[in-house]
Amino acid sequence: MIGKKIKRLRNLCQLTQEELADRCELTKGYISQLENDLTSPSISTLTDILAALGTNLHEFFAEEEDPQIVFTANDYFEKITDDVKTIWLVPNAQKNEMEPILCILEPSAEVTLDMPHEGQEFGYVLEGAIMVVYGNNKYVCKKGETFYFTTDKNHYIYNHTKKIAKVIWVSSPPNF
């Protein structure tokens, strides 16, 4: 494990084994053995190698947790209220800078009025058509069309048709 991490760092720094060995007053053969996990360095030697690679013991041994990048239906959270099904497409998105959801609106259904707040919202109509209410204005948004606005006015969407509407809605910052 240590050897592979050292090799990865060395390659990121675009150093050869010989260049790293020279910087640490070690031999190229020792660096090769280390990278192939055939030997283990002393703490002092490891500290010198890591310094030459621009890091330290704490960062080197810190557990890196890869973030989840792909989400499936098993990860989604759903809520159904008043003929509106809301599906959070990224779990725990409240900690992120934006929150994507899928809204499925039955005919005549509306999403609850949202009062003015800081942020921006974007939507893409996947199916059907909706009415976007922004302040005192109303806008029709059909399949394949988008809406985008700052959230400094009262706003909501509703399905003014007799068919189901599906909308991808993204809020920044998260507020759903």
N, C-alpha and C. Protein backbone atom coordinates (compact mmCIF):
# COMPACT_ATOMS: atom_id res chain seq x y z
N MET A 1 0.82 -1.19 0.00
CA MET A 1 0.00 0.00 0.00
C MET A 1 0.86 1.25 0.00
N ILE A 2 1.84 1.33 0.88
CA ILE A 2 2.71 2.51 0.96
C ILE A 2 3.43 2.72 -0.36
N GLY A 3 3.96 1.62 -0.91
CA GLY A 3 4.72 1.71 -2.16
C GLY A 3 3.88 2.24 -3.31
N LYS A 4 2.67 1.74 -3.44
CA LYS A 4 1.79 2.19 -4.53
C LYS A 4 1.45 3.67 -4.38
N LYS A 5 1.21 4.10 -3.14
CA LYS A 5 0.89 5.51 -2.92
C LYS A 5 2.09 6.40 -3.24
N ILE A 6 3.29 5.96 -2.87
CA ILE A 6 4.49 6.73 -3.17
C ILE A 6 4.68 6.82 -4.69
N LYS A 7 4.50 5.71 -5.37
CA LYS A 7 4.64 5.70 -6.83
C LYS A 7 3.64 6.65 -7.48
N ARG A 8 2.39 6.61 -7.01
CA ARG A 8 1.35 7.50 -7.55
C ARG A 8 1.74 8.96 -7.34
N LEU A 9 2.22 9.30 -6.14
CA LEU A 9 2.64 10.68 -5.86
C LEU A 9 3.84 11.08 -6.71
N ARG A 10 4.80 10.15 -6.86
CA ARG A 10 5.98 10.44 -7.67
C ARG A 10 5.58 10.72 -9.11
N ASN A 11 4.67 9.91 -9.64
CA ASN A 11 4.20 10.13 -11.01
C ASN A 11 3.44 11.44 -11.14
N LEU A 12 2.65 11.78 -10.13
CA LEU A 12 1.94 13.07 -10.16
C LEU A 12 2.91 14.24 -10.17
N CYS A 13 4.05 14.07 -9.49
CA CYS A 13 5.08 15.12 -9.46
C CYS A 13 5.99 15.06 -10.68
N GLN A 14 5.74 14.10 -11.56
CA GLN A 14 6.51 13.91 -12.79
C GLN A 14 8.00 13.74 -12.50
N LEU A 15 8.28 12.90 -11.53
CA LEU A 15 9.66 12.59 -11.16
C LEU A 15 9.97 11.15 -11.53
N THR A 16 11.21 10.89 -11.94
CA THR A 16 11.65 9.52 -12.14
C THR A 16 12.06 8.97 -10.78
N GLN A 17 12.24 7.67 -10.71
CA GLN A 17 12.73 7.07 -9.46
C GLN A 17 14.09 7.65 -9.10
N GLU A 18 14.92 7.86 -10.11
CA GLU A 18 16.26 8.40 -9.87
C GLU A 18 16.20 9.83 -9.33
N GLU A 19 15.29 10.65 -9.88
CA GLU A 19 15.17 12.03 -9.40
C GLU A 19 14.69 12.07 -7.95
N LEU A 20 13.74 11.21 -7.61
CA LEU A 20 13.26 11.15 -6.23
C LEU A 20 14.36 10.66 -5.31
N ALA A 21 15.08 9.64 -5.75
CA ALA A 21 16.19 9.11 -4.94
C ALA A 21 17.23 10.19 -4.68
N ASP A 22 17.59 10.96 -5.71
CA ASP A 22 18.58 12.04 -5.55
C ASP A 22 18.11 13.08 -4.54
N ARG A 23 16.85 13.45 -4.59
CA ARG A 23 16.31 14.47 -3.67
C ARG A 23 16.33 13.99 -2.22
N CYS A 24 16.27 12.68 -2.03
CA CYS A 24 16.20 12.12 -0.67
C CYS A 24 17.51 11.46 -0.23
N GLU A 25 18.52 11.55 -1.06
CA GLU A 25 19.81 10.92 -0.79
C GLU A 25 19.65 9.41 -0.57
N LEU A 26 18.89 8.80 -1.48
CA LEU A 26 18.66 7.36 -1.48
C LEU A 26 19.09 6.81 -2.83
N THR A 27 19.01 5.51 -3.01
CA THR A 27 19.34 4.93 -4.31
C THR A 27 18.06 4.69 -5.11
N LYS A 28 18.25 4.66 -6.43
CA LYS A 28 17.12 4.36 -7.31
C LYS A 28 16.59 2.96 -6.99
N GLY A 29 17.47 2.02 -6.70
CA GLY A 29 17.07 0.65 -6.37
C GLY A 29 16.20 0.61 -5.12
N TYR A 30 16.52 1.44 -4.11
CA TYR A 30 15.72 1.48 -2.89
C TYR A 30 14.32 2.00 -3.20
N ILE A 31 14.24 3.06 -4.01
CA ILE A 31 12.93 3.62 -4.38
C ILE A 31 12.12 2.56 -5.14
N SER A 32 12.76 1.83 -6.04
CA SER A 32 12.08 0.76 -6.78
C SER A 32 11.56 -0.31 -5.84
N GLN A 33 12.39 -0.77 -4.89
CA GLN A 33 11.95 -1.77 -3.93
C GLN A 33 10.79 -1.25 -3.08
N LEU A 34 10.88 0.00 -2.69
CA LEU A 34 9.83 0.62 -1.87
C LEU A 34 8.51 0.66 -2.64
N GLU A 35 8.56 1.11 -3.90
CA GLU A 35 7.35 1.21 -4.70
C GLU A 35 6.73 -0.15 -5.00
N ASN A 36 7.53 -1.19 -4.99
CA ASN A 36 7.02 -2.54 -5.23
C ASN A 36 6.73 -3.29 -3.93
N ASP A 37 6.73 -2.54 -2.83
CA ASP A 37 6.44 -3.09 -1.49
C ASP A 37 7.35 -4.25 -1.12
N LEU A 38 8.61 -4.17 -1.56
CA LEU A 38 9.59 -5.19 -1.21
C LEU A 38 10.39 -4.80 0.02
N THR A 39 10.25 -3.54 0.44
CA THR A 39 10.89 -3.06 1.66
C THR A 39 10.00 -2.00 2.28
N SER A 40 10.24 -1.71 3.53
CA SER A 40 9.47 -0.68 4.23
C SER A 40 10.44 0.40 4.73
N PRO A 41 10.06 1.66 4.57
CA PRO A 41 10.95 2.74 5.00
C PRO A 41 10.83 2.99 6.50
N SER A 42 11.88 3.57 7.07
CA SER A 42 11.77 4.05 8.45
C SER A 42 10.90 5.30 8.42
N ILE A 43 10.42 5.72 9.56
CA ILE A 43 9.61 6.94 9.64
C ILE A 43 10.39 8.13 9.11
N SER A 44 11.66 8.20 9.48
CA SER A 44 12.51 9.31 9.04
C SER A 44 12.65 9.32 7.52
N THR A 45 12.90 8.16 6.93
CA THR A 45 13.04 8.07 5.48
C THR A 45 11.73 8.39 4.78
N LEU A 46 10.63 7.87 5.29
CA LEU A 46 9.32 8.15 4.71
C LEU A 46 9.02 9.65 4.78
N THR A 47 9.37 10.28 5.90
CA THR A 47 9.15 11.72 6.05
C THR A 47 9.94 12.49 4.99
N ASP A 48 11.20 12.09 4.74
CA ASP A 48 12.03 12.75 3.72
C ASP A 48 11.43 12.55 2.32
N ILE A 49 10.99 11.35 2.02
CA ILE A 49 10.41 11.06 0.70
C ILE A 49 9.13 11.88 0.49
N LEU A 50 8.30 11.91 1.51
CA LEU A 50 7.04 12.66 1.39
C LEU A 50 7.29 14.15 1.24
N ALA A 51 8.29 14.68 1.95
CA ALA A 51 8.64 16.10 1.81
C ALA A 51 9.06 16.39 0.37
N ALA A 52 9.86 15.48 -0.22
CA ALA A 52 10.29 15.65 -1.61
C ALA A 52 9.11 15.58 -2.57
N LEU A 53 8.04 14.91 -2.16
CA LEU A 53 6.84 14.78 -3.00
C LEU A 53 5.78 15.83 -2.67
N GLY A 54 6.13 16.75 -1.77
CA GLY A 54 5.22 17.86 -1.47
C GLY A 54 4.09 17.53 -0.54
N THR A 55 4.28 16.53 0.32
CA THR A 55 3.23 16.18 1.27
C THR A 55 3.86 15.82 2.61
N ASN A 56 3.06 15.31 3.52
CA ASN A 56 3.56 14.94 4.85
C ASN A 56 2.87 13.67 5.32
N LEU A 57 3.30 13.18 6.49
CA LEU A 57 2.75 11.92 7.01
C LEU A 57 1.24 11.99 7.21
N HIS A 58 0.77 13.11 7.77
CA HIS A 58 -0.65 13.24 8.06
C HIS A 58 -1.48 13.14 6.77
N GLU A 59 -1.11 13.88 5.75
CA GLU A 59 -1.86 13.85 4.49
C GLU A 59 -1.72 12.49 3.80
N PHE A 60 -0.54 11.90 3.88
CA PHE A 60 -0.27 10.63 3.22
C PHE A 60 -1.15 9.51 3.78
N PHE A 61 -1.34 9.51 5.09
CA PHE A 61 -2.10 8.43 5.73
C PHE A 61 -3.56 8.77 5.96
N ALA A 62 -3.96 9.98 5.61
CA ALA A 62 -5.37 10.35 5.77
C ALA A 62 -6.21 9.48 4.84
N GLU A 63 -7.28 8.96 5.38
CA GLU A 63 -8.17 8.12 4.58
C GLU A 63 -8.95 9.01 3.62
N GLU A 64 -8.80 8.73 2.36
CA GLU A 64 -9.54 9.47 1.35
C GLU A 64 -10.82 8.72 1.03
N GLU A 65 -11.91 9.40 1.17
CA GLU A 65 -13.19 8.79 0.84
C GLU A 65 -13.64 9.36 -0.49
N ASP A 66 -13.74 8.51 -1.49
CA ASP A 66 -14.19 8.96 -2.79
C ASP A 66 -15.67 9.32 -2.70
N PRO A 67 -16.03 10.48 -3.24
CA PRO A 67 -17.44 10.87 -3.20
C PRO A 67 -18.26 10.01 -4.14
N GLN A 68 -19.51 9.84 -3.82
CA GLN A 68 -20.40 9.10 -4.71
C GLN A 68 -20.69 9.99 -5.91
N ILE A 69 -20.49 9.46 -7.09
CA ILE A 69 -20.67 10.22 -8.32
C ILE A 69 -21.93 9.81 -9.06
N VAL A 70 -22.24 8.54 -9.05
CA VAL A 70 -23.41 8.03 -9.77
C VAL A 70 -24.46 7.59 -8.75
N PHE A 71 -25.69 7.96 -9.01
CA PHE A 71 -26.80 7.62 -8.12
C PHE A 71 -27.84 6.83 -8.90
N THR A 72 -28.42 5.85 -8.24
CA THR A 72 -29.45 5.03 -8.87
C THR A 72 -30.78 5.25 -8.15
N ALA A 73 -31.81 4.64 -8.67
CA ALA A 73 -33.14 4.77 -8.06
C ALA A 73 -33.13 4.32 -6.59
N ASN A 74 -32.23 3.41 -6.24
CA ASN A 74 -32.13 2.96 -4.84
C ASN A 74 -31.65 4.08 -3.91
N ASP A 75 -30.98 5.08 -4.46
CA ASP A 75 -30.46 6.19 -3.65
C ASP A 75 -31.48 7.33 -3.49
N TYR A 76 -32.48 7.37 -4.35
CA TYR A 76 -33.42 8.49 -4.36
C TYR A 76 -34.32 8.48 -3.12
N PHE A 77 -34.78 9.68 -2.78
CA PHE A 77 -35.74 9.84 -1.70
C PHE A 77 -37.00 10.44 -2.31
N GLU A 78 -38.15 9.86 -2.01
CA GLU A 78 -39.41 10.31 -2.60
C GLU A 78 -40.36 10.84 -1.53
N LYS A 79 -41.15 11.80 -1.96
CA LYS A 79 -42.21 12.34 -1.10
C LYS A 79 -43.40 12.64 -2.00
N ILE A 80 -44.57 12.21 -1.56
CA ILE A 80 -45.79 12.46 -2.34
C ILE A 80 -46.74 13.29 -1.49
N THR A 81 -47.14 14.45 -2.04
CA THR A 81 -48.10 15.32 -1.36
C THR A 81 -49.00 15.97 -2.40
N ASP A 82 -50.28 15.97 -2.14
CA ASP A 82 -51.25 16.68 -2.98
C ASP A 82 -51.01 16.52 -4.48
N ASP A 83 -50.95 15.31 -4.94
CA ASP A 83 -50.80 15.02 -6.37
C ASP A 83 -49.47 15.45 -6.97
N VAL A 84 -48.46 15.69 -6.10
CA VAL A 84 -47.12 16.01 -6.58
C VAL A 84 -46.16 14.99 -5.98
N LYS A 85 -45.46 14.31 -6.85
CA LYS A 85 -44.43 13.38 -6.39
C LYS A 85 -43.08 14.08 -6.59
N THR A 86 -42.35 14.22 -5.50
CA THR A 86 -41.04 14.87 -5.54
C THR A 86 -39.99 13.81 -5.28
N ILE A 87 -39.01 13.73 -6.17
CA ILE A 87 -37.94 12.75 -6.04
C ILE A 87 -36.61 13.49 -5.97
N TRP A 88 -35.93 13.34 -4.83
CA TRP A 88 -34.61 13.94 -4.68
C TRP A 88 -33.62 13.02 -5.38
N LEU A 89 -32.97 13.52 -6.42
CA LEU A 89 -32.12 12.69 -7.26
C LEU A 89 -30.71 12.49 -6.70
N VAL A 90 -30.31 13.36 -5.78
CA VAL A 90 -29.01 13.23 -5.12
C VAL A 90 -29.26 13.25 -3.62
N PRO A 91 -29.01 12.13 -2.93
CA PRO A 91 -29.27 12.11 -1.49
C PRO A 91 -28.39 13.11 -0.74
N ASN A 92 -28.93 13.68 0.30
CA ASN A 92 -28.23 14.65 1.13
C ASN A 92 -27.70 15.85 0.34
N ALA A 93 -28.43 16.26 -0.69
CA ALA A 93 -27.99 17.39 -1.52
C ALA A 93 -27.99 18.70 -0.76
N GLN A 94 -28.62 18.73 0.43
CA GLN A 94 -28.66 19.96 1.21
C GLN A 94 -27.25 20.45 1.54
N LYS A 95 -26.27 19.55 1.57
CA LYS A 95 -24.90 19.95 1.88
C LYS A 95 -24.15 20.42 0.63
N ASN A 96 -24.77 20.30 -0.53
CA ASN A 96 -24.14 20.70 -1.79
C ASN A 96 -24.56 22.11 -2.17
N GLU A 97 -24.07 22.56 -3.30
CA GLU A 97 -24.40 23.91 -3.76
C GLU A 97 -25.68 23.95 -4.58
N MET A 98 -26.13 22.79 -5.03
CA MET A 98 -27.39 22.74 -5.77
C MET A 98 -28.12 21.44 -5.44
N GLU A 99 -29.41 21.46 -5.68
CA GLU A 99 -30.25 20.31 -5.32
C GLU A 99 -31.15 19.96 -6.50
N PRO A 100 -30.84 18.88 -7.20
CA PRO A 100 -31.69 18.47 -8.31
C PRO A 100 -32.82 17.54 -7.85
N ILE A 101 -34.01 17.82 -8.30
CA ILE A 101 -35.15 16.97 -7.99
C ILE A 101 -35.94 16.71 -9.26
N LEU A 102 -36.75 15.67 -9.22
CA LEU A 102 -37.70 15.38 -10.28
C LEU A 102 -39.08 15.59 -9.69
N CYS A 103 -39.85 16.48 -10.30
CA CYS A 103 -41.23 16.72 -9.86
C CYS A 103 -42.17 16.10 -10.88
N ILE A 104 -43.08 15.28 -10.39
CA ILE A 104 -44.11 14.69 -11.24
C ILE A 104 -45.43 15.26 -10.76
N LEU A 105 -46.05 16.07 -11.59
CA LEU A 105 -47.28 16.75 -11.22
C LEU A 105 -48.47 16.15 -11.96
N GLU A 106 -49.44 15.70 -11.20
CA GLU A 106 -50.70 15.24 -11.78
C GLU A 106 -51.42 16.45 -12.37
N PRO A 107 -52.43 16.25 -13.23
CA PRO A 107 -53.19 17.38 -13.75
C PRO A 107 -53.72 18.27 -12.63
N SER A 108 -53.60 19.56 -12.80
CA SER A 108 -54.05 20.60 -11.85
C SER A 108 -53.25 20.65 -10.55
N ALA A 109 -52.18 19.88 -10.42
CA ALA A 109 -51.38 19.90 -9.19
C ALA A 109 -50.40 21.06 -9.23
N GLU A 110 -50.05 21.52 -8.03
CA GLU A 110 -49.06 22.61 -7.95
C GLU A 110 -48.06 22.34 -6.84
N VAL A 111 -46.86 22.87 -7.02
CA VAL A 111 -45.82 22.80 -6.00
C VAL A 111 -46.06 23.97 -5.06
N THR A 112 -45.87 23.76 -3.79
CA THR A 112 -46.12 24.78 -2.77
C THR A 112 -45.40 26.08 -3.09
N LEU A 113 -46.08 27.18 -2.81
CA LEU A 113 -45.52 28.53 -2.99
C LEU A 113 -44.20 28.64 -2.24
N ASP A 114 -43.19 29.16 -2.90
CA ASP A 114 -41.88 29.38 -2.28
C ASP A 114 -41.68 30.89 -2.15
N MET A 115 -41.43 31.32 -0.94
CA MET A 115 -41.23 32.74 -0.67
C MET A 115 -39.85 33.18 -1.18
N PRO A 116 -39.63 34.48 -1.34
CA PRO A 116 -38.32 34.96 -1.79
C PRO A 116 -37.20 34.49 -0.86
N HIS A 117 -36.10 34.15 -1.45
CA HIS A 117 -34.90 33.74 -0.71
C HIS A 117 -33.71 33.92 -1.62
N GLU A 118 -32.51 33.79 -1.09
CA GLU A 118 -31.32 33.88 -1.92
C GLU A 118 -31.20 32.64 -2.77
N GLY A 119 -30.80 32.82 -4.00
CA GLY A 119 -30.55 31.67 -4.84
C GLY A 119 -31.07 31.81 -6.24
N GLN A 120 -31.00 30.69 -6.94
CA GLN A 120 -31.45 30.61 -8.32
C GLN A 120 -32.10 29.25 -8.52
N GLU A 121 -33.00 29.17 -9.49
CA GLU A 121 -33.64 27.91 -9.78
C GLU A 121 -33.71 27.71 -11.28
N PHE A 122 -33.58 26.45 -11.67
CA PHE A 122 -33.59 26.07 -13.07
C PHE A 122 -34.50 24.86 -13.22
N GLY A 123 -35.22 24.80 -14.30
CA GLY A 123 -36.05 23.64 -14.56
C GLY A 123 -36.05 23.26 -16.02
N TYR A 124 -36.24 21.96 -16.26
CA TYR A 124 -36.34 21.42 -17.62
C TYR A 124 -37.58 20.52 -17.65
N VAL A 125 -38.49 20.81 -18.54
CA VAL A 125 -39.72 20.03 -18.64
C VAL A 125 -39.46 18.79 -19.51
N LEU A 126 -39.56 17.63 -18.87
CA LEU A 126 -39.34 16.36 -19.55
C LEU A 126 -40.59 15.88 -20.28
N GLU A 127 -41.75 16.20 -19.70
CA GLU A 127 -43.01 15.68 -20.23
C GLU A 127 -44.12 16.66 -19.88
N GLY A 128 -45.05 16.85 -20.80
CA GLY A 128 -46.19 17.72 -20.54
C GLY A 128 -45.83 19.20 -20.61
N ALA A 129 -46.55 19.98 -19.83
CA ALA A 129 -46.33 21.43 -19.77
C ALA A 129 -46.70 21.91 -18.38
N ILE A 130 -46.08 23.00 -17.96
CA ILE A 130 -46.37 23.58 -16.64
C ILE A 130 -46.51 25.09 -16.78
N MET A 131 -47.04 25.67 -15.74
CA MET A 131 -47.10 27.11 -15.63
C MET A 131 -46.09 27.49 -14.55
N VAL A 132 -45.18 28.39 -14.88
CA VAL A 132 -44.22 28.91 -13.91
C VAL A 132 -44.76 30.24 -13.42
N VAL A 133 -44.98 30.34 -12.13
CA VAL A 133 -45.47 31.59 -11.55
C VAL A 133 -44.29 32.24 -10.83
N TYR A 134 -43.95 33.44 -11.27
CA TYR A 134 -42.80 34.17 -10.73
C TYR A 134 -43.26 35.59 -10.43
N GLY A 135 -43.41 35.88 -9.15
CA GLY A 135 -43.97 37.18 -8.76
C GLY A 135 -45.40 37.27 -9.26
N ASN A 136 -45.72 38.33 -10.01
CA ASN A 136 -47.06 38.51 -10.57
C ASN A 136 -47.19 37.99 -11.99
N ASN A 137 -46.15 37.36 -12.49
CA ASN A 137 -46.15 36.89 -13.88
C ASN A 137 -46.30 35.38 -13.96
N LYS A 138 -46.89 34.93 -15.08
CA LYS A 138 -47.06 33.50 -15.34
C LYS A 138 -46.47 33.19 -16.71
N TYR A 139 -45.77 32.06 -16.77
CA TYR A 139 -45.12 31.65 -18.01
C TYR A 139 -45.41 30.18 -18.28
N VAL A 140 -45.79 29.87 -19.51
CA VAL A 140 -45.99 28.48 -19.90
C VAL A 140 -44.63 27.91 -20.30
N CYS A 141 -44.34 26.72 -19.82
CA CYS A 141 -43.09 26.04 -20.14
C CYS A 141 -43.45 24.61 -20.57
N LYS A 142 -43.15 24.27 -21.83
CA LYS A 142 -43.55 22.99 -22.41
C LYS A 142 -42.40 22.00 -22.47
N LYS A 143 -42.73 20.76 -22.82
CA LYS A 143 -41.74 19.70 -22.97
C LYS A 143 -40.57 20.20 -23.82
N GLY A 144 -39.35 19.97 -23.30
CA GLY A 144 -38.15 20.38 -24.02
C GLY A 144 -37.73 21.81 -23.75
N GLU A 145 -38.54 22.55 -23.00
CA GLU A 145 -38.20 23.94 -22.67
C GLU A 145 -37.68 24.02 -21.24
N THR A 146 -37.03 25.12 -20.93
CA THR A 146 -36.44 25.33 -19.61
C THR A 146 -36.92 26.63 -19.00
N PHE A 147 -36.76 26.73 -17.69
CA PHE A 147 -36.97 28.01 -17.01
C PHE A 147 -35.80 28.25 -16.07
N TYR A 148 -35.53 29.50 -15.81
CA TYR A 148 -34.41 29.90 -14.96
C TYR A 148 -34.73 31.26 -14.36
N PHE A 149 -34.57 31.39 -13.04
CA PHE A 149 -34.81 32.69 -12.42
C PHE A 149 -34.08 32.79 -11.09
N THR A 150 -33.87 34.04 -10.66
CA THR A 150 -33.37 34.25 -9.30
C THR A 150 -34.58 34.15 -8.39
N THR A 151 -34.36 33.79 -7.15
CA THR A 151 -35.48 33.49 -6.25
C THR A 151 -35.83 34.68 -5.35
N ASP A 152 -35.79 35.86 -5.92
CA ASP A 152 -36.07 37.07 -5.14
C ASP A 152 -37.55 37.46 -5.13
N LYS A 153 -38.40 36.61 -5.73
CA LYS A 153 -39.85 36.84 -5.73
C LYS A 153 -40.55 35.54 -5.37
N ASN A 154 -41.81 35.64 -4.93
CA ASN A 154 -42.61 34.43 -4.72
C ASN A 154 -42.62 33.64 -6.03
N HIS A 155 -42.56 32.30 -5.89
CA HIS A 155 -42.53 31.49 -7.10
C HIS A 155 -43.03 30.08 -6.83
N TYR A 156 -43.57 29.47 -7.86
CA TYR A 156 -43.99 28.07 -7.80
C TYR A 156 -44.33 27.63 -9.22
N ILE A 157 -44.54 26.33 -9.36
CA ILE A 157 -44.98 25.81 -10.65
C ILE A 157 -46.27 25.04 -10.44
N TYR A 158 -47.08 24.96 -11.48
CA TYR A 158 -48.25 24.10 -11.41
C TYR A 158 -48.57 23.55 -12.80
N ASN A 159 -49.27 22.43 -12.78
CA ASN A 159 -49.66 21.76 -14.01
C ASN A 159 -51.05 22.25 -14.38
N HIS A 160 -51.11 23.09 -15.37
CA HIS A 160 -52.38 23.66 -15.80
C HIS A 160 -53.08 22.82 -16.87
N THR A 161 -52.54 21.62 -17.14
CA THR A 161 -53.10 20.79 -18.21
C THR A 161 -53.83 19.57 -17.63
N LYS A 162 -54.32 18.73 -18.52
CA LYS A 162 -55.02 17.51 -18.11
C LYS A 162 -54.14 16.28 -18.26
N LYS A 163 -52.81 16.50 -18.43
CA LYS A 163 -51.86 15.39 -18.55
C LYS A 163 -50.78 15.56 -17.48
N ILE A 164 -50.14 14.46 -17.13
CA ILE A 164 -49.03 14.51 -16.16
C ILE A 164 -47.89 15.35 -16.72
N ALA A 165 -47.24 16.09 -15.84
CA ALA A 165 -46.05 16.86 -16.22
C ALA A 165 -44.88 16.37 -15.38
N LYS A 166 -43.71 16.27 -16.02
CA LYS A 166 -42.49 15.88 -15.31
C LYS A 166 -41.44 16.95 -15.55
N VAL A 167 -40.84 17.39 -14.43
CA VAL A 167 -39.89 18.49 -14.49
C VAL A 167 -38.65 18.17 -13.67
N ILE A 168 -37.48 18.33 -14.26
CA ILE A 168 -36.24 18.31 -13.50
C ILE A 168 -36.06 19.72 -12.98
N TRP A 169 -35.94 19.86 -11.67
CA TRP A 169 -35.87 21.19 -11.04
C TRP A 169 -34.61 21.22 -10.18
N VAL A 170 -33.80 22.25 -10.41
CA VAL A 170 -32.53 22.38 -9.68
C VAL A 170 -32.54 23.70 -8.93
N SER A 171 -32.33 23.63 -7.61
CA SER A 171 -32.27 24.82 -6.76
C SER A 171 -30.84 25.03 -6.28
N SER A 172 -30.44 26.29 -6.26
CA SER A 172 -29.13 26.62 -5.71
C SER A 172 -29.30 27.91 -4.90
N PRO A 173 -29.02 27.88 -3.60
CA PRO A 173 -28.65 26.71 -2.82
C PRO A 173 -29.87 25.82 -2.59
N PRO A 174 -29.64 24.59 -2.09
CA PRO A 174 -30.75 23.67 -1.84
C PRO A 174 -31.79 24.27 -0.90
N ASN A 175 -33.06 24.05 -1.20
CA ASN A 175 -34.10 24.55 -0.29
C ASN A 175 -35.33 23.68 -0.26
N PHE A 176 -35.33 22.56 -0.94
CA PHE A 176 -36.53 21.70 -0.96
C PHE A 176 -36.62 20.90 0.31
